[in-house]
Amino acid sequence: METMTNAIEHIDNSEQSMGLTAQNIASLDMLGIAASSICLVHCLAMPFVITFLPLMGWQFLDGKLTHNILAAFVFSFALFGIVPGYLKHHERPILIGMLLGLTLVLIATFCCGATLPEKWELPLITIGNLILVITHWHNHHLASCNHHH
C-alpha cells in the first residue's frame, strides 16, 4: 500500500502541471459515479431483461465486450477522478476505497466464469461499484472543500 501511495504522490509534481482544478476533479467524479451506476444497473437488470434482448435486437448488451467497455469506463473515471482528488486532500481511505472497488469490479469482469464461479460476478461487481460510487462521492466532497493536511 505504501508503494502505491508513493507512486501516486510521485505523479503529483504540482497541481498546476496536471492542469486539474477542483471543478475538473468534481466533473470526473460525477462521470465516475455515472459510469459505476450504469454498470451497476446493467448488471442488476440483466437477469430480468436477458430474455427480451433478442426481441429488441439488443443482445449485445449481454456480451463480454459490453462488460469490458463498462469496466474500462469505470476504471478510467476512477483513476482520472479519484487520484487527482486524492493528490489534493491526501485522505488515505479514498485511495483504499478506489483500490478495493476497482479490484472487485475487475475480478468480477475478468475472472468470474474463467477462474472463479460465474455466480460470484453479480455480488462482486455490485459491491465494487457501490464502493466506487461512495468513494467518488466522498472524493468529490473533499476535493471541492479544498481540504488539505
C-alpha atoms as a PDB file:
ATOM      1  CA  MET A   1       0.000   0.000   0.000  1.00  0.00           C
ATOM      2  CA  GLU A   2       2.848   2.378   0.846  1.00  0.00           C
ATOM      3  CA  THR A   3       4.421   1.768  -2.574  1.00  0.00           C
ATOM      4  CA  MET A   4       1.111   2.618  -4.305  1.00  0.00           C
ATOM      5  CA  THR A   5       0.786   5.802  -2.228  1.00  0.00           C
ATOM      6  CA  ASN A   6       4.363   6.814  -3.032  1.00  0.00           C
ATOM      7  CA  ALA A   7       3.839   6.105  -6.740  1.00  0.00           C
ATOM      8  CA  ILE A   8       0.684   8.207  -6.842  1.00  0.00           C
ATOM      9  CA  GLU A   9       2.269  11.060  -4.894  1.00  0.00           C
ATOM     10  CA  HIS A  10       5.270  10.967  -7.243  1.00  0.00           C
ATOM     11  CA  ILE A  11       2.892  11.762 -10.107  1.00  0.00           C
ATOM     12  CA  ASP A  12       1.903  14.953  -8.284  1.00  0.00           C
ATOM     13  CA  ASN A  13       4.816  17.292  -9.083  1.00  0.00           C
ATOM     14  CA  SER A  14       2.352  20.154  -8.809  1.00  0.00           C
ATOM     15  CA  GLU A  15      -1.389  20.601  -9.252  1.00  0.00           C
ATOM     16  CA  GLN A  16      -0.739  23.159 -11.988  1.00  0.00           C
ATOM     17  CA  SER A  17       1.382  20.726 -14.032  1.00  0.00           C
ATOM     18  CA  MET A  18      -1.608  18.393 -14.162  1.00  0.00           C
ATOM     19  CA  GLY A  19      -3.940  21.259 -15.031  1.00  0.00           C
ATOM     20  CA  LEU A  20      -6.668  19.853 -12.797  1.00  0.00           C
ATOM     21  CA  THR A  21      -8.873  22.142 -10.794  1.00  0.00           C
ATOM     22  CA  ALA A  22     -11.394  21.207  -8.118  1.00  0.00           C
ATOM     23  CA  GLN A  23     -14.088  21.727 -10.777  1.00  0.00           C
ATOM     24  CA  ASN A  24     -12.383  19.284 -13.187  1.00  0.00           C
ATOM     25  CA  ILE A  25     -11.990  16.706 -10.416  1.00  0.00           C
ATOM     26  CA  ALA A  26     -15.652  17.163  -9.456  1.00  0.00           C
ATOM     27  CA  SER A  27     -16.714  16.630 -13.086  1.00  0.00           C
ATOM     28  CA  LEU A  28     -14.625  13.468 -13.353  1.00  0.00           C
ATOM     29  CA  ASP A  29     -16.063  12.232 -10.054  1.00  0.00           C
ATOM     30  CA  MET A  30     -19.591  12.793 -11.381  1.00  0.00           C
ATOM     31  CA  LEU A  31     -18.689  10.861 -14.545  1.00  0.00           C
ATOM     32  CA  GLY A  32     -17.237   8.126 -12.325  1.00  0.00           C
ATOM     33  CA  ILE A  33     -20.456   7.987 -10.313  1.00  0.00           C
ATOM     34  CA  ALA A  34     -22.425   7.771 -13.565  1.00  0.00           C
ATOM     35  CA  ALA A  35     -20.183   5.028 -15.010  1.00  0.00           C
ATOM     36  CA  SER A  36     -20.316   2.919 -11.835  1.00  0.00           C
ATOM     37  CA  SER A  37     -24.073   3.445 -11.553  1.00  0.00           C
ATOM     38  CA  ILE A  38     -24.684   2.477 -15.184  1.00  0.00           C
ATOM     39  CA  CYS A  39     -22.547  -0.627 -14.710  1.00  0.00           C
ATOM     40  CA  LEU A  40     -24.435  -1.452 -11.519  1.00  0.00           C
ATOM     41  CA  VAL A  41     -27.866  -1.019 -13.120  1.00  0.00           C
ATOM     42  CA  HIS A  42     -26.759  -3.007 -16.174  1.00  0.00           C
ATOM     43  CA  CYS A  43     -25.565  -5.924 -14.060  1.00  0.00           C
ATOM     44  CA  LEU A  44     -28.559  -5.930 -11.716  1.00  0.00           C
ATOM     45  CA  ALA A  45     -31.121  -5.623 -14.535  1.00  0.00           C
ATOM     46  CA  MET A  46     -29.553  -8.168 -16.881  1.00  0.00           C
ATOM     47  CA  PRO A  47     -31.016 -11.287 -15.204  1.00  0.00           C
ATOM     48  CA  PHE A  48     -34.502  -9.803 -15.602  1.00  0.00           C
ATOM     49  CA  VAL A  49     -34.263  -8.447 -19.157  1.00  0.00           C
ATOM     50  CA  ILE A  50     -32.000 -11.017 -20.821  1.00  0.00           C
ATOM     51  CA  THR A  51     -34.912 -12.900 -22.396  1.00  0.00           C
ATOM     52  CA  PHE A  52     -36.229  -9.729 -24.062  1.00  0.00           C
ATOM     53  CA  LEU A  53     -32.917  -8.541 -25.544  1.00  0.00           C
ATOM     54  CA  PRO A  54     -33.115 -10.644 -28.745  1.00  0.00           C
ATOM     55  CA  LEU A  55     -36.673  -9.425 -29.358  1.00  0.00           C
ATOM     56  CA  MET A  56     -35.408  -5.841 -29.328  1.00  0.00           C
ATOM     57  CA  GLY A  57     -32.159  -6.579 -31.167  1.00  0.00           C
ATOM     58  CA  TRP A  58     -30.134  -5.614 -28.100  1.00  0.00           C
ATOM     59  CA  GLN A  59     -28.471  -8.929 -27.272  1.00  0.00           C
ATOM     60  CA  PHE A  60     -25.087  -7.180 -27.495  1.00  0.00           C
ATOM     61  CA  LEU A  61     -25.845  -5.690 -24.050  1.00  0.00           C
ATOM     62  CA  ASP A  62     -25.238  -9.107 -22.509  1.00  0.00           C
ATOM     63  CA  GLY A  63     -21.970  -9.664 -24.368  1.00  0.00           C
ATOM     64  CA  LYS A  64     -18.465  -9.772 -22.918  1.00  0.00           C
ATOM     65  CA  LEU A  65     -17.478  -6.708 -24.962  1.00  0.00           C
ATOM     66  CA  THR A  66     -20.163  -4.598 -23.254  1.00  0.00           C
ATOM     67  CA  HIS A  67     -18.922  -5.748 -19.849  1.00  0.00           C
ATOM     68  CA  ASN A  68     -15.335  -4.921 -20.805  1.00  0.00           C
ATOM     69  CA  ILE A  69     -16.289  -1.456 -22.106  1.00  0.00           C
ATOM     70  CA  LEU A  70     -18.256  -0.638 -18.945  1.00  0.00           C
ATOM     71  CA  ALA A  71     -15.331  -1.846 -16.800  1.00  0.00           C
ATOM     72  CA  ALA A  72     -12.947   0.337 -18.843  1.00  0.00           C
ATOM     73  CA  PHE A  73     -15.109   3.418 -18.217  1.00  0.00           C
ATOM     74  CA  VAL A  74     -15.395   2.617 -14.507  1.00  0.00           C
ATOM     75  CA  PHE A  75     -11.626   2.080 -14.279  1.00  0.00           C
ATOM     76  CA  SER A  76     -10.724   5.222 -16.264  1.00  0.00           C
ATOM     77  CA  PHE A  77     -13.036   7.555 -14.372  1.00  0.00           C
ATOM     78  CA  ALA A  78     -11.834   6.136 -11.056  1.00  0.00           C
ATOM     79  CA  LEU A  79      -8.203   6.827 -11.947  1.00  0.00           C
ATOM     80  CA  PHE A  80      -8.769  10.232 -13.530  1.00  0.00           C
ATOM     81  CA  GLY A  81     -11.333  11.398 -10.953  1.00  0.00           C
ATOM     82  CA  ILE A  82     -10.199   9.921  -7.668  1.00  0.00           C
ATOM     83  CA  VAL A  83      -6.403  10.089  -7.983  1.00  0.00           C
ATOM     84  CA  PRO A  84      -6.215  13.871  -8.629  1.00  0.00           C
ATOM     85  CA  GLY A  85      -8.647  14.436  -5.755  1.00  0.00           C
ATOM     86  CA  TYR A  86      -6.511  12.246  -3.516  1.00  0.00           C
ATOM     87  CA  LEU A  87      -3.470  14.296  -4.501  1.00  0.00           C
ATOM     88  CA  LYS A  88      -5.298  17.386  -3.218  1.00  0.00           C
ATOM     89  CA  HIS A  89      -6.634  16.066   0.079  1.00  0.00           C
ATOM     90  CA  HIS A  90      -4.374  13.031   0.821  1.00  0.00           C
ATOM     91  CA  GLU A  91      -7.153  11.133   2.603  1.00  0.00           C
ATOM     92  CA  ARG A  92      -5.946   7.524   2.537  1.00  0.00           C
ATOM     93  CA  PRO A  93      -9.468   5.964   2.885  1.00  0.00           C
ATOM     94  CA  ILE A  94     -10.297   7.432  -0.548  1.00  0.00           C
ATOM     95  CA  LEU A  95      -7.325   5.660  -2.110  1.00  0.00           C
ATOM     96  CA  ILE A  96      -8.189   2.413  -0.305  1.00  0.00           C
ATOM     97  CA  GLY A  97     -11.828   2.668  -1.449  1.00  0.00           C
ATOM     98  CA  MET A  98     -10.759   3.199  -5.045  1.00  0.00           C
ATOM     99  CA  LEU A  99      -8.362   0.239  -4.995  1.00  0.00           C
ATOM    100  CA  LEU A 100     -10.874  -2.067  -3.295  1.00  0.00           C
ATOM    101  CA  GLY A 101     -13.762  -1.068  -5.591  1.00  0.00           C
ATOM    102  CA  LEU A 102     -11.665  -1.377  -8.743  1.00  0.00           C
ATOM    103  CA  THR A 103     -10.261  -4.727  -7.647  1.00  0.00           C
ATOM    104  CA  LEU A 104     -13.746  -6.142  -7.134  1.00  0.00           C
ATOM    105  CA  VAL A 105     -15.023  -4.769 -10.473  1.00  0.00           C
ATOM    106  CA  LEU A 106     -12.011  -6.119 -12.351  1.00  0.00           C
ATOM    107  CA  ILE A 107     -12.207  -9.552 -10.668  1.00  0.00           C
ATOM    108  CA  ALA A 108     -15.922  -9.752 -11.485  1.00  0.00           C
ATOM    109  CA  THR A 109     -15.332  -8.677 -15.089  1.00  0.00           C
ATOM    110  CA  PHE A 110     -12.292 -10.767 -15.955  1.00  0.00           C
ATOM    111  CA  CYS A 111     -12.161 -13.717 -13.516  1.00  0.00           C
ATOM    112  CA  CYS A 112     -15.745 -14.818 -12.959  1.00  0.00           C
ATOM    113  CA  GLY A 113     -16.626 -17.583 -15.356  1.00  0.00           C
ATOM    114  CA  ALA A 114     -12.954 -18.166 -16.119  1.00  0.00           C
ATOM    115  CA  THR A 115     -11.136 -18.884 -12.846  1.00  0.00           C
ATOM    116  CA  LEU A 116     -13.922 -18.101 -10.358  1.00  0.00           C
ATOM    117  CA  PRO A 117     -17.522 -19.325 -10.361  1.00  0.00           C
ATOM    118  CA  GLU A 118     -19.791 -17.187 -12.543  1.00  0.00           C
ATOM    119  CA  LYS A 119     -22.283 -16.867  -9.682  1.00  0.00           C
ATOM    120  CA  TRP A 120     -19.767 -14.558  -7.913  1.00  0.00           C
ATOM    121  CA  GLU A 121     -19.878 -11.964 -10.710  1.00  0.00           C
ATOM    122  CA  LEU A 122     -23.035 -10.123  -9.659  1.00  0.00           C
ATOM    123  CA  PRO A 123     -22.194  -9.821  -5.943  1.00  0.00           C
ATOM    124  CA  LEU A 124     -18.585  -8.769  -6.630  1.00  0.00           C
ATOM    125  CA  ILE A 125     -19.426  -6.197  -9.280  1.00  0.00           C
ATOM    126  CA  THR A 126     -22.315  -4.819  -7.212  1.00  0.00           C
ATOM    127  CA  ILE A 127     -20.189  -4.347  -4.100  1.00  0.00           C
ATOM    128  CA  GLY A 128     -17.268  -2.969  -6.141  1.00  0.00           C
ATOM    129  CA  ASN A 129     -19.422  -0.398  -7.935  1.00  0.00           C
ATOM    130  CA  LEU A 130     -21.165   0.657  -4.722  1.00  0.00           C
ATOM    131  CA  ILE A 131     -17.766   1.195  -3.084  1.00  0.00           C
ATOM    132  CA  LEU A 132     -16.660   3.261  -6.101  1.00  0.00           C
ATOM    133  CA  VAL A 133     -19.810   5.417  -6.078  1.00  0.00           C
ATOM    134  CA  ILE A 134     -19.342   6.146  -2.365  1.00  0.00           C
ATOM    135  CA  THR A 135     -15.612   6.798  -2.868  1.00  0.00           C
ATOM    136  CA  HIS A 136     -16.255   9.176  -5.791  1.00  0.00           C
ATOM    137  CA  TRP A 137     -18.871  10.980  -3.704  1.00  0.00           C
ATOM    138  CA  HIS A 138     -16.502  11.434  -0.739  1.00  0.00           C
ATOM    139  CA  ASN A 139     -13.632  12.381  -3.056  1.00  0.00           C
ATOM    140  CA  HIS A 140     -15.858  14.984  -4.724  1.00  0.00           C
ATOM    141  CA  HIS A 141     -16.726  16.468  -1.340  1.00  0.00           C
ATOM    142  CA  LEU A 142     -13.127  16.512  -0.082  1.00  0.00           C
ATOM    143  CA  ALA A 143     -11.656  17.933  -3.307  1.00  0.00           C
ATOM    144  CA  SER A 144     -14.305  20.642  -3.601  1.00  0.00           C
ATOM    145  CA  CYS A 145     -13.799  21.718   0.033  1.00  0.00           C
ATOM    146  CA  ASN A 146     -10.081  22.310  -0.659  1.00  0.00           C
ATOM    147  CA  HIS A 147      -9.346  20.079   2.315  1.00  0.00           C
ATOM    148  CA  HIS A 148      -5.571  19.959   2.952  1.00  0.00           C
ATOM    149  CA  HIS A 149      -3.378  18.280   5.542  1.00  0.00           C
END
